[in-house]
Protein backbone atom coordinates (compact mmCIF):
# COMPACT_ATOMS: atom_id res chain seq x y z
CA MET A 1 16.37 -27.92 65.29
CA VAL A 2 18.97 -25.89 67.21
CA ARG A 3 18.19 -22.20 67.55
CA THR A 4 21.16 -20.88 69.54
CA ALA A 5 24.64 -22.33 69.35
CA PHE A 6 28.29 -21.73 70.00
CA ILE A 7 30.67 -22.01 67.07
CA ILE A 8 34.30 -22.37 68.11
CA LEU A 9 37.04 -22.08 65.49
CA SER A 10 40.19 -23.51 66.98
CA LEU A 11 43.89 -23.88 66.30
CA ILE A 12 43.52 -27.36 67.79
CA ARG A 13 41.68 -30.29 66.23
CA TRP A 14 39.28 -32.09 68.56
CA ASP A 15 40.92 -35.51 68.13
CA LYS A 16 44.52 -34.59 68.86
CA GLY A 17 44.51 -36.80 71.95
CA TYR A 18 45.11 -34.20 74.64
CA ASN A 19 43.05 -31.69 76.50
CA SER A 20 43.36 -28.10 75.34
CA ALA A 21 41.96 -24.73 76.37
CA PRO A 22 39.65 -24.54 73.32
CA PHE A 23 38.29 -28.04 73.85
CA SER A 24 37.85 -27.41 77.59
CA LEU A 25 35.90 -24.27 76.69
CA ALA A 26 33.79 -26.29 74.25
CA LYS A 27 33.00 -28.87 76.94
CA ALA A 28 32.04 -26.15 79.44
CA LEU A 29 29.82 -24.35 76.91
CA SER A 30 28.18 -27.62 75.84
CA ARG A 31 26.44 -27.67 79.23
CA HIS A 32 24.60 -24.52 78.11
CA GLY A 33 23.86 -25.25 74.46
CA LYS A 34 24.93 -26.91 71.25
CA VAL A 35 28.61 -26.44 70.36
CA PHE A 36 30.12 -26.75 66.90
CA PHE A 37 33.89 -27.18 67.15
CA ILE A 38 35.49 -26.25 63.82
CA ASP A 39 38.80 -27.99 63.47
CA SER A 40 41.86 -26.02 62.51
CA PRO A 41 41.90 -26.07 58.70
CA ILE A 42 44.17 -28.63 57.06
CA THR A 43 46.22 -27.30 54.15
CA PHE A 44 47.07 -29.07 50.90
CA ARG A 45 50.64 -29.29 52.16
CA ASP A 46 49.47 -31.03 55.36
CA VAL A 47 47.54 -33.52 53.23
CA VAL A 48 50.50 -34.31 50.97
CA GLU A 49 52.97 -34.66 53.86
CA ASN A 50 50.63 -36.73 56.07
CA PHE A 51 48.32 -38.47 53.62
CA SER A 52 48.38 -41.86 55.34
CA ALA A 53 47.83 -40.38 58.83
CA LYS A 54 44.55 -41.29 60.56
CA GLU A 55 43.82 -37.58 60.96
CA ILE A 56 43.75 -37.13 57.17
CA GLN A 57 42.16 -40.47 56.28
CA ARG A 58 39.30 -39.88 58.73
CA ARG A 59 38.54 -36.54 57.08
CA LYS A 60 39.12 -37.30 53.36
CA SER A 61 35.56 -36.85 52.15
CA ALA A 62 35.23 -33.56 54.05
CA LEU A 63 38.62 -32.23 52.95
CA PHE A 64 38.21 -32.99 49.25
CA LYS A 65 34.46 -33.14 48.60
CA GLY A 66 32.89 -31.14 51.42
CA ARG A 67 30.93 -34.24 52.52
CA ASN A 68 30.66 -35.86 55.95
CA VAL A 69 31.87 -32.63 57.56
CA TYR A 70 30.14 -33.35 60.91
CA HIS A 71 31.33 -35.73 63.60
CA GLU A 72 29.40 -36.05 66.85
CA ILE A 73 31.74 -36.28 69.83
CA PRO A 74 30.46 -39.09 72.06
CA GLY A 75 29.13 -38.15 75.49
CA THR A 76 28.82 -34.46 74.65
CA SER A 77 26.59 -32.04 72.76
CA ILE A 78 29.62 -31.08 70.65
CA THR A 79 29.79 -31.58 66.91
CA ALA A 80 33.23 -31.42 65.33
CA VAL A 81 33.20 -29.77 61.91
CA THR A 82 35.86 -30.19 59.20
CA PRO A 83 36.30 -27.47 56.56
CA ARG A 84 37.64 -28.23 53.09
CA THR A 85 41.37 -28.18 52.48
CA THR A 86 42.96 -24.72 52.54
CA ILE A 87 45.97 -23.18 50.81
CA PRO A 88 49.30 -23.09 52.70
CA MET A 89 50.35 -19.47 53.01
CA ASN A 90 52.06 -18.91 56.34
CA TRP A 91 55.49 -18.95 54.69
CA LEU A 92 54.64 -15.91 52.54
CA PRO A 93 55.66 -12.37 53.53
CA SER A 94 52.93 -9.88 54.44
CA GLY A 95 51.46 -8.14 51.43
CA PHE A 96 49.00 -8.46 48.57
CA LEU A 97 49.45 -12.18 47.81
CA TYR A 98 49.37 -13.20 51.47
CA GLU A 99 46.24 -11.13 52.17
CA ASN A 100 44.41 -12.52 49.14
CA LEU A 101 45.23 -16.12 50.02
CA ARG A 102 44.21 -15.46 53.64
CA LYS A 103 40.85 -14.16 52.41
CA THR A 104 40.47 -17.19 50.12
CA ASN A 105 41.09 -19.50 53.07
CA GLU A 106 38.58 -17.50 55.13
CA ARG A 107 35.96 -18.09 52.42
CA ILE A 108 36.66 -21.84 52.63
CA VAL A 109 36.17 -21.80 56.40
CA TYR A 110 33.13 -19.56 56.17
CA GLU A 111 31.54 -21.97 53.67
CA VAL A 112 31.45 -24.73 56.30
CA ILE A 113 30.08 -22.24 58.87
CA ARG A 114 27.32 -21.21 56.45
CA LEU A 115 26.57 -24.89 55.81
CA LEU A 116 26.19 -25.73 59.49
CA ILE A 117 24.05 -22.63 60.11
CA ASP A 118 21.75 -23.76 57.29
CA ASP A 119 21.80 -27.49 58.13
CA PHE A 120 21.02 -26.93 61.81
CA ARG A 121 18.79 -23.89 61.16
CA LEU A 122 20.66 -21.76 63.66
CA LYS A 123 19.04 -18.44 64.49
CA GLU A 124 21.52 -17.12 67.01
CA VAL A 125 25.26 -17.82 67.06
CA VAL A 126 28.03 -16.99 69.49
CA PHE A 127 31.27 -17.19 67.46
CA ILE A 128 34.51 -17.85 69.31
CA ASN A 129 37.87 -17.80 67.59
CA SER A 130 40.34 -19.63 69.79
CA PHE A 131 43.84 -18.48 68.92
CA LEU A 132 43.48 -18.58 65.14
CA PRO A 133 43.51 -14.93 64.01
CA TYR A 134 44.03 -15.89 60.35
CA PHE A 135 40.30 -16.59 60.08
CA GLY A 136 37.42 -14.27 60.87
CA LEU A 137 38.80 -10.84 60.04
CA THR A 138 36.84 -10.55 56.79
CA PHE A 139 33.90 -12.93 57.03
CA PRO A 140 31.01 -11.71 54.87
CA ASP A 141 28.63 -9.07 56.19
CA SER A 142 25.84 -11.68 56.10
CA PHE A 143 27.50 -13.50 59.04
CA LYS A 144 26.38 -11.59 62.10
CA PRO A 145 26.98 -13.55 65.29
CA SER A 146 25.20 -12.21 68.35
CA LEU A 147 28.59 -12.19 70.08
CA HIS A 148 32.05 -12.40 68.49
CA ILE A 149 34.80 -13.51 70.91
CA TYR A 150 38.54 -13.95 70.48
CA GLN A 151 40.36 -16.28 72.90
CA SER A 152 44.11 -15.93 73.34
CA ILE A 153 45.58 -19.06 74.87
CA ASP A 154 49.30 -18.31 74.62
CA GLU A 155 51.84 -15.63 73.72
CA ILE A 156 51.39 -15.68 69.95
CA SER A 157 54.82 -14.23 69.16
CA GLU A 158 56.46 -17.23 70.86
CA SER A 159 54.69 -19.84 68.72
CA LYS A 160 56.93 -21.14 65.94
CA TYR A 161 54.02 -21.49 63.49
CA LEU A 162 52.11 -18.33 64.44
CA CYS A 163 54.89 -15.81 65.13
CA LYS A 164 55.33 -14.55 61.54
CA HIS A 165 51.83 -13.13 60.98
CA GLY A 166 50.05 -13.93 64.25
CA PRO A 167 50.91 -10.87 66.37
CA ARG A 168 49.78 -8.41 63.67
CA LEU A 169 46.60 -10.36 62.90
CA GLU A 170 45.81 -10.93 66.57
CA ARG A 171 45.95 -7.16 67.25
CA ARG A 172 43.50 -6.62 64.37
CA TYR A 173 41.26 -9.40 65.60
CA VAL A 174 41.15 -8.15 69.20
CA SER A 175 40.20 -4.67 67.97
CA GLN A 176 37.28 -6.13 65.92
CA ALA A 177 35.96 -8.70 68.42
CA ASP A 178 33.13 -7.84 70.81
CA LEU A 179 35.05 -9.51 73.61
CA SER A 180 38.50 -10.98 74.15
CA ILE A 181 39.31 -13.62 76.72
CA VAL A 182 42.73 -14.80 77.84
CA THR A 183 44.04 -17.75 79.80
CA SER A 184 46.41 -15.80 82.08
CA THR A 185 47.00 -12.40 83.63
CA ARG A 186 50.24 -12.14 81.63
CA LEU A 187 48.30 -12.41 78.35
CA LYS A 188 45.80 -9.83 79.58
CA ASN A 189 48.65 -7.40 80.18
CA LEU A 190 50.06 -8.06 76.70
CA SER A 191 46.79 -7.35 74.88
């Protein structure tokens, strides 16, 4: 039974084949406790466009049935966690529909967080959102991490995928988080 753990929600998936700031953080934290690395959610569109890709095939039962969501990463105390498939929404303009779909996707991600908290009987959680401000703004009141951290790893307005909604959501996230960490002095000055 794990009592205290780090839960990292990341823009990067653990098996992308390169080192990243979120995965480096996960490795460093794993020396101090159990780490659950929640992969960036995969949308229905991603599944349709990349169905035969190893990344999708490896995760099919988690994506569609919510089964086999955990994958132990060899040589570490890190468990990768795959949420169910989410709804593509980044193309939508800001507004009512976008916000409601964002909250629906948050519920999907929170469901896998609730599952791992129950399955591993976690009593104390440090929650770190690494550069994915779409998730975590409206988690349910029942989710009360002992520390809520946002990690900015790049200038969000310069990311092709994140630039449409990212800057606005990141500002909201930083104002709600207990602590924000950045990977450079330049990012510190921007926040």
